[in-house]
Amino acid sequence: EFRQEHPAAAALLSEMELTYEDFMYIAGEYYETEDIEAAVQSWLDTHEYLWELWVKDAKIAIGE
């Protein structure tokens, strides 16, 4: 259902190579808020150490 309703968000989450636990965390937040942006932001806030590396790698890949 999530992938059908939010294809762009699902594609981004797939690129980030999240674990099952990460998806379950986001799904739990989404279930409580029904707001995908808030759910992902909650994950970002509590997993900063993971996404900072992903952003750094992405910037290197595009030559920033």
PDB file of N, CA and C in Angstrom:
ATOM      1  N   GLU A   1       0.824  -1.195   0.000  1.00  0.00           N
ATOM      2  CA  GLU A   1       0.000   0.000   0.000  1.00  0.00           C
ATOM      3  C   GLU A   1       0.868   1.259   0.000  1.00  0.00           C
ATOM      4  N   PHE A   2       1.888   1.272   0.858  1.00  0.00           N
ATOM      5  CA  PHE A   2       2.768   2.442   0.943  1.00  0.00           C
ATOM      6  C   PHE A   2       3.434   2.718  -0.400  1.00  0.00           C
ATOM      7  N   ARG A   3       3.954   1.682  -1.039  1.00  0.00           N
ATOM      8  CA  ARG A   3       4.643   1.855  -2.324  1.00  0.00           C
ATOM      9  C   ARG A   3       3.704   2.400  -3.393  1.00  0.00           C
ATOM     10  N   GLN A   4       2.437   2.003  -3.343  1.00  0.00           N
ATOM     11  CA  GLN A   4       1.465   2.491  -4.320  1.00  0.00           C
ATOM     12  C   GLN A   4       1.093   3.947  -4.058  1.00  0.00           C
ATOM     13  N   GLU A   5       0.944   4.296  -2.790  1.00  0.00           N
ATOM     14  CA  GLU A   5       0.519   5.654  -2.444  1.00  0.00           C
ATOM     15  C   GLU A   5       1.661   6.663  -2.461  1.00  0.00           C
ATOM     16  N   HIS A   6       2.888   6.186  -2.247  1.00  0.00           N
ATOM     17  CA  HIS A   6       4.045   7.080  -2.154  1.00  0.00           C
ATOM     18  C   HIS A   6       5.214   6.515  -2.959  1.00  0.00           C
ATOM     19  N   PRO A   7       5.089   6.425  -4.281  1.00  0.00           N
ATOM     20  CA  PRO A   7       6.140   5.787  -5.078  1.00  0.00           C
ATOM     21  C   PRO A   7       7.494   6.492  -4.990  1.00  0.00           C
ATOM     22  N   ALA A   8       7.518   7.813  -4.948  1.00  0.00           N
ATOM     23  CA  ALA A   8       8.790   8.534  -4.866  1.00  0.00           C
ATOM     24  C   ALA A   8       9.480   8.273  -3.531  1.00  0.00           C
ATOM     25  N   ALA A   9       8.724   8.309  -2.452  1.00  0.00           N
ATOM     26  CA  ALA A   9       9.304   8.031  -1.133  1.00  0.00           C
ATOM     27  C   ALA A   9       9.793   6.591  -1.057  1.00  0.00           C
ATOM     28  N   ALA A  10       9.042   5.662  -1.607  1.00  0.00           N
ATOM     29  CA  ALA A  10       9.449   4.254  -1.604  1.00  0.00           C
ATOM     30  C   ALA A  10      10.738   4.066  -2.393  1.00  0.00           C
ATOM     31  N   ALA A  11      10.868   4.758  -3.518  1.00  0.00           N
ATOM     32  CA  ALA A  11      12.085   4.655  -4.328  1.00  0.00           C
ATOM     33  C   ALA A  11      13.288   5.206  -3.571  1.00  0.00           C
ATOM     34  N   LEU A  12      13.118   6.339  -2.904  1.00  0.00           N
ATOM     35  CA  LEU A  12      14.215   6.920  -2.130  1.00  0.00           C
ATOM     36  C   LEU A  12      14.623   6.000  -0.989  1.00  0.00           C
ATOM     37  N   LEU A  13      13.657   5.466  -0.277  1.00  0.00           N
ATOM     38  CA  LEU A  13      13.969   4.561   0.821  1.00  0.00           C
ATOM     39  C   LEU A  13      14.699   3.324   0.310  1.00  0.00           C
ATOM     40  N   SER A  14      14.349   2.854  -0.871  1.00  0.00           N
ATOM     41  CA  SER A  14      15.031   1.704  -1.458  1.00  0.00           C
ATOM     42  C   SER A  14      16.487   2.035  -1.761  1.00  0.00           C
ATOM     43  N   GLU A  15      16.738   3.222  -2.271  1.00  0.00           N
ATOM     44  CA  GLU A  15      18.103   3.646  -2.575  1.00  0.00           C
ATOM     45  C   GLU A  15      18.958   3.733  -1.320  1.00  0.00           C
ATOM     46  N   MET A  16      18.335   4.037  -0.187  1.00  0.00           N
ATOM     47  CA  MET A  16      19.089   4.198   1.049  1.00  0.00           C
ATOM     48  C   MET A  16      19.474   2.863   1.676  1.00  0.00           C
ATOM     49  N   GLU A  17      19.044   1.757   1.092  1.00  0.00           N
ATOM     50  CA  GLU A  17      19.394   0.421   1.572  1.00  0.00           C
ATOM     51  C   GLU A  17      19.099   0.255   3.066  1.00  0.00           C
ATOM     52  N   LEU A  18      17.899   0.607   3.451  1.00  0.00           N
ATOM     53  CA  LEU A  18      17.492   0.486   4.844  1.00  0.00           C
ATOM     54  C   LEU A  18      17.264  -0.976   5.206  1.00  0.00           C
ATOM     55  N   THR A  19      17.420  -1.269   6.465  1.00  0.00           N
ATOM     56  CA  THR A  19      17.178  -2.622   6.954  1.00  0.00           C
ATOM     57  C   THR A  19      15.686  -2.821   7.216  1.00  0.00           C
ATOM     58  N   TYR A  20      15.326  -4.058   7.464  1.00  0.00           N
ATOM     59  CA  TYR A  20      13.945  -4.382   7.819  1.00  0.00           C
ATOM     60  C   TYR A  20      13.533  -3.592   9.058  1.00  0.00           C
ATOM     61  N   GLU A  21      14.434  -3.503  10.038  1.00  0.00           N
ATOM     62  CA  GLU A  21      14.134  -2.772  11.267  1.00  0.00           C
ATOM     63  C   GLU A  21      13.884  -1.289  10.983  1.00  0.00           C
ATOM     64  N   ASP A  22      14.660  -0.727  10.060  1.00  0.00           N
ATOM     65  CA  ASP A  22      14.455   0.674   9.686  1.00  0.00           C
ATOM     66  C   ASP A  22      13.070   0.872   9.076  1.00  0.00           C
ATOM     67  N   PHE A  23      12.704  -0.019   8.144  1.00  0.00           N
ATOM     68  CA  PHE A  23      11.380   0.073   7.526  1.00  0.00           C
ATOM     69  C   PHE A  23      10.278  -0.073   8.570  1.00  0.00           C
ATOM     70  N   MET A  24      10.470  -0.984   9.516  1.00  0.00           N
ATOM     71  CA  MET A  24       9.456  -1.189  10.540  1.00  0.00           C
ATOM     72  C   MET A  24       9.340   0.036  11.448  1.00  0.00           C
ATOM     73  N   TYR A  25      10.448   0.673  11.744  1.00  0.00           N
ATOM     74  CA  TYR A  25      10.427   1.902  12.540  1.00  0.00           C
ATOM     75  C   TYR A  25       9.615   2.968  11.808  1.00  0.00           C
ATOM     76  N   ILE A  26       9.939   3.179  10.529  1.00  0.00           N
ATOM     77  CA  ILE A  26       9.234   4.183   9.735  1.00  0.00           C
ATOM     78  C   ILE A  26       7.762   3.817   9.596  1.00  0.00           C
ATOM     79  N   ALA A  27       7.481   2.543   9.365  1.00  0.00           N
ATOM     80  CA  ALA A  27       6.085   2.102   9.234  1.00  0.00           C
ATOM     81  C   ALA A  27       5.314   2.359  10.522  1.00  0.00           C
ATOM     82  N   GLY A  28       5.945   2.108  11.659  1.00  0.00           N
ATOM     83  CA  GLY A  28       5.297   2.356  12.945  1.00  0.00           C
ATOM     84  C   GLY A  28       4.991   3.828  13.144  1.00  0.00           C
ATOM     85  N   GLU A  29       5.945   4.678  12.777  1.00  0.00           N
ATOM     86  CA  GLU A  29       5.723   6.120  12.878  1.00  0.00           C
ATOM     87  C   GLU A  29       4.615   6.562  11.922  1.00  0.00           C
ATOM     88  N   TYR A  30       4.615   6.003  10.715  1.00  0.00           N
ATOM     89  CA  TYR A  30       3.590   6.350   9.728  1.00  0.00           C
ATOM     90  C   TYR A  30       2.217   5.909  10.219  1.00  0.00           C
ATOM     91  N   TYR A  31       2.147   4.731  10.831  1.00  0.00           N
ATOM     92  CA  TYR A  31       0.882   4.215  11.357  1.00  0.00           C
ATOM     93  C   TYR A  31       0.317   5.168  12.410  1.00  0.00           C
ATOM     94  N   GLU A  32       1.212   5.706  13.251  1.00  0.00           N
ATOM     95  CA  GLU A  32       0.768   6.602  14.320  1.00  0.00           C
ATOM     96  C   GLU A  32       0.374   7.983  13.802  1.00  0.00           C
ATOM     97  N   THR A  33       1.080   8.477  12.787  1.00  0.00           N
ATOM     98  CA  THR A  33       0.872   9.858  12.347  1.00  0.00           C
ATOM     99  C   THR A  33       0.119   9.992  11.028  1.00  0.00           C
ATOM    100  N   GLU A  34       0.134   8.945  10.210  1.00  0.00           N
ATOM    101  CA  GLU A  34      -0.405   8.984   8.845  1.00  0.00           C
ATOM    102  C   GLU A  34       0.226  10.120   8.042  1.00  0.00           C
ATOM    103  N   ASP A  35       1.459  10.431   8.363  1.00  0.00           N
ATOM    104  CA  ASP A  35       2.203  11.497   7.691  1.00  0.00           C
ATOM    105  C   ASP A  35       3.575  10.947   7.345  1.00  0.00           C
ATOM    106  N   ILE A  36       3.788  10.633   6.058  1.00  0.00           N
ATOM    107  CA  ILE A  36       5.045  10.000   5.671  1.00  0.00           C
ATOM    108  C   ILE A  36       6.244  10.894   5.940  1.00  0.00           C
ATOM    109  N   GLU A  37       6.098  12.197   5.734  1.00  0.00           N
ATOM    110  CA  GLU A  37       7.213  13.098   5.991  1.00  0.00           C
ATOM    111  C   GLU A  37       7.605  13.076   7.467  1.00  0.00           C
ATOM    112  N   ALA A  38       6.623  13.091   8.345  1.00  0.00           N
ATOM    113  CA  ALA A  38       6.903  13.043   9.783  1.00  0.00           C
ATOM    114  C   ALA A  38       7.527  11.711  10.174  1.00  0.00           C
ATOM    115  N   ALA A  39       7.066  10.634   9.566  1.00  0.00           N
ATOM    116  CA  ALA A  39       7.602   9.310   9.879  1.00  0.00           C
ATOM    117  C   ALA A  39       9.065   9.206   9.478  1.00  0.00           C
ATOM    118  N   VAL A  40       9.380   9.654   8.274  1.00  0.00           N
ATOM    119  CA  VAL A  40      10.767   9.602   7.812  1.00  0.00           C
ATOM    120  C   VAL A  40      11.625  10.575   8.605  1.00  0.00           C
ATOM    121  N   GLN A  41      11.092  11.753   8.918  1.00  0.00           N
ATOM    122  CA  GLN A  41      11.858  12.715   9.703  1.00  0.00           C
ATOM    123  C   GLN A  41      12.191  12.151  11.075  1.00  0.00           C
ATOM    124  N   SER A  42      11.269  11.431  11.671  1.00  0.00           N
ATOM    125  CA  SER A  42      11.536  10.807  12.963  1.00  0.00           C
ATOM    126  C   SER A  42      12.691   9.824  12.850  1.00  0.00           C
ATOM    127  N   TRP A  43      12.690   9.026  11.778  1.00  0.00           N
ATOM    128  CA  TRP A  43      13.802   8.082  11.571  1.00  0.00           C
ATOM    129  C   TRP A  43      15.104   8.845  11.369  1.00  0.00           C
ATOM    130  N   LEU A  44      15.063   9.902  10.545  1.00  0.00           N
ATOM    131  CA  LEU A  44      16.273  10.691  10.299  1.00  0.00           C
ATOM    132  C   LEU A  44      16.816  11.285  11.594  1.00  0.00           C
ATOM    133  N   ASP A  45      15.915  11.777  12.438  1.00  0.00           N
ATOM    134  CA  ASP A  45      16.328  12.393  13.699  1.00  0.00           C
ATOM    135  C   ASP A  45      17.004  11.397  14.632  1.00  0.00           C
ATOM    136  N   THR A  46      16.545  10.149  14.614  1.00  0.00           N
ATOM    137  CA  THR A  46      17.088   9.158  15.549  1.00  0.00           C
ATOM    138  C   THR A  46      18.202   8.307  14.951  1.00  0.00           C
ATOM    139  N   HIS A  47      18.463   8.455  13.648  1.00  0.00           N
ATOM    140  CA  HIS A  47      19.499   7.656  12.983  1.00  0.00           C
ATOM    141  C   HIS A  47      20.466   8.544  12.199  1.00  0.00           C
ATOM    142  N   GLU A  48      20.747   9.709  12.726  1.00  0.00           N
ATOM    143  CA  GLU A  48      21.598  10.672  12.029  1.00  0.00           C
ATOM    144  C   GLU A  48      22.949  10.075  11.659  1.00  0.00           C
ATOM    145  N   TYR A  49      23.497   9.247  12.525  1.00  0.00           N
ATOM    146  CA  TYR A  49      24.804   8.645  12.275  1.00  0.00           C
ATOM    147  C   TYR A  49      24.806   7.783  11.010  1.00  0.00           C
ATOM    148  N   LEU A  50      23.652   7.256  10.608  1.00  0.00           N
ATOM    149  CA  LEU A  50      23.568   6.445   9.393  1.00  0.00           C
ATOM    150  C   LEU A  50      23.396   7.300   8.147  1.00  0.00           C
ATOM    151  N   TRP A  51      22.466   8.250   8.194  1.00  0.00           N
ATOM    152  CA  TRP A  51      22.188   8.990   6.965  1.00  0.00           C
ATOM    153  C   TRP A  51      23.256  10.006   6.634  1.00  0.00           C
ATOM    154  N   GLU A  52      24.000  10.484   7.617  1.00  0.00           N
ATOM    155  CA  GLU A  52      25.086  11.411   7.305  1.00  0.00           C
ATOM    156  C   GLU A  52      26.099  10.751   6.380  1.00  0.00           C
ATOM    157  N   LEU A  53      26.397   9.480   6.625  1.00  0.00           N
ATOM    158  CA  LEU A  53      27.320   8.750   5.755  1.00  0.00           C
ATOM    159  C   LEU A  53      26.730   8.575   4.365  1.00  0.00           C
ATOM    160  N   TRP A  54      25.423   8.304   4.285  1.00  0.00           N
ATOM    161  CA  TRP A  54      24.768   8.132   2.995  1.00  0.00           C
ATOM    162  C   TRP A  54      24.814   9.431   2.199  1.00  0.00           C
ATOM    163  N   VAL A  55      24.550  10.552   2.853  1.00  0.00           N
ATOM    164  CA  VAL A  55      24.595  11.854   2.182  1.00  0.00           C
ATOM    165  C   VAL A  55      26.015  12.150   1.714  1.00  0.00           C
ATOM    166  N   LYS A  56      26.993  11.875   2.555  1.00  0.00           N
ATOM    167  CA  LYS A  56      28.389  12.105   2.186  1.00  0.00           C
ATOM    168  C   LYS A  56      28.755  11.284   0.957  1.00  0.00           C
ATOM    169  N   ASP A  57      28.397  10.007   0.948  1.00  0.00           N
ATOM    170  CA  ASP A  57      28.679   9.144  -0.198  1.00  0.00           C
ATOM    171  C   ASP A  57      27.969   9.639  -1.452  1.00  0.00           C
ATOM    172  N   ALA A  58      26.729  10.106  -1.306  1.00  0.00           N
ATOM    173  CA  ALA A  58      25.970  10.605  -2.454  1.00  0.00           C
ATOM    174  C   ALA A  58      26.625  11.857  -3.031  1.00  0.00           C
ATOM    175  N   LYS A  59      27.107  12.741  -2.169  1.00  0.00           N
ATOM    176  CA  LYS A  59      27.765  13.957  -2.644  1.00  0.00           C
ATOM    177  C   LYS A  59      29.059  13.624  -3.375  1.00  0.00           C
ATOM    178  N   ILE A  60      29.799  12.670  -2.867  1.00  0.00           N
ATOM    179  CA  ILE A  60      31.027  12.241  -3.537  1.00  0.00           C
ATOM    180  C   ILE A  60      30.691  11.666  -4.909  1.00  0.00           C
ATOM    181  N   ALA A  61      29.631  10.876  -4.975  1.00  0.00           N
ATOM    182  CA  ALA A  61      29.237  10.233  -6.229  1.00  0.00           C
ATOM    183  C   ALA A  61      28.846  11.246  -7.302  1.00  0.00           C
ATOM    184  N   ILE A  62      28.274  12.387  -6.886  1.00  0.00           N
ATOM    185  CA  ILE A  62      27.865  13.384  -7.884  1.00  0.00           C
ATOM    186  C   ILE A  62      28.902  14.491  -8.041  1.00  0.00           C
ATOM    187  N   GLY A  63      30.010  14.363  -7.331  1.00  0.00           N
ATOM    188  CA  GLY A  63      31.115  15.291  -7.513  1.00  0.00           C
ATOM    189  C   GLY A  63      31.024  16.590  -6.760  1.00  0.00           C
ATOM    190  N   GLU A  64      30.313  16.607  -5.645  1.00  0.00           N
ATOM    191  CA  GLU A  64      30.238  17.839  -4.839  1.00  0.00           C
ATOM    192  C   GLU A  64      31.390  17.898  -3.868  1.00  0.00           C
TER     193      GLU A  64
END
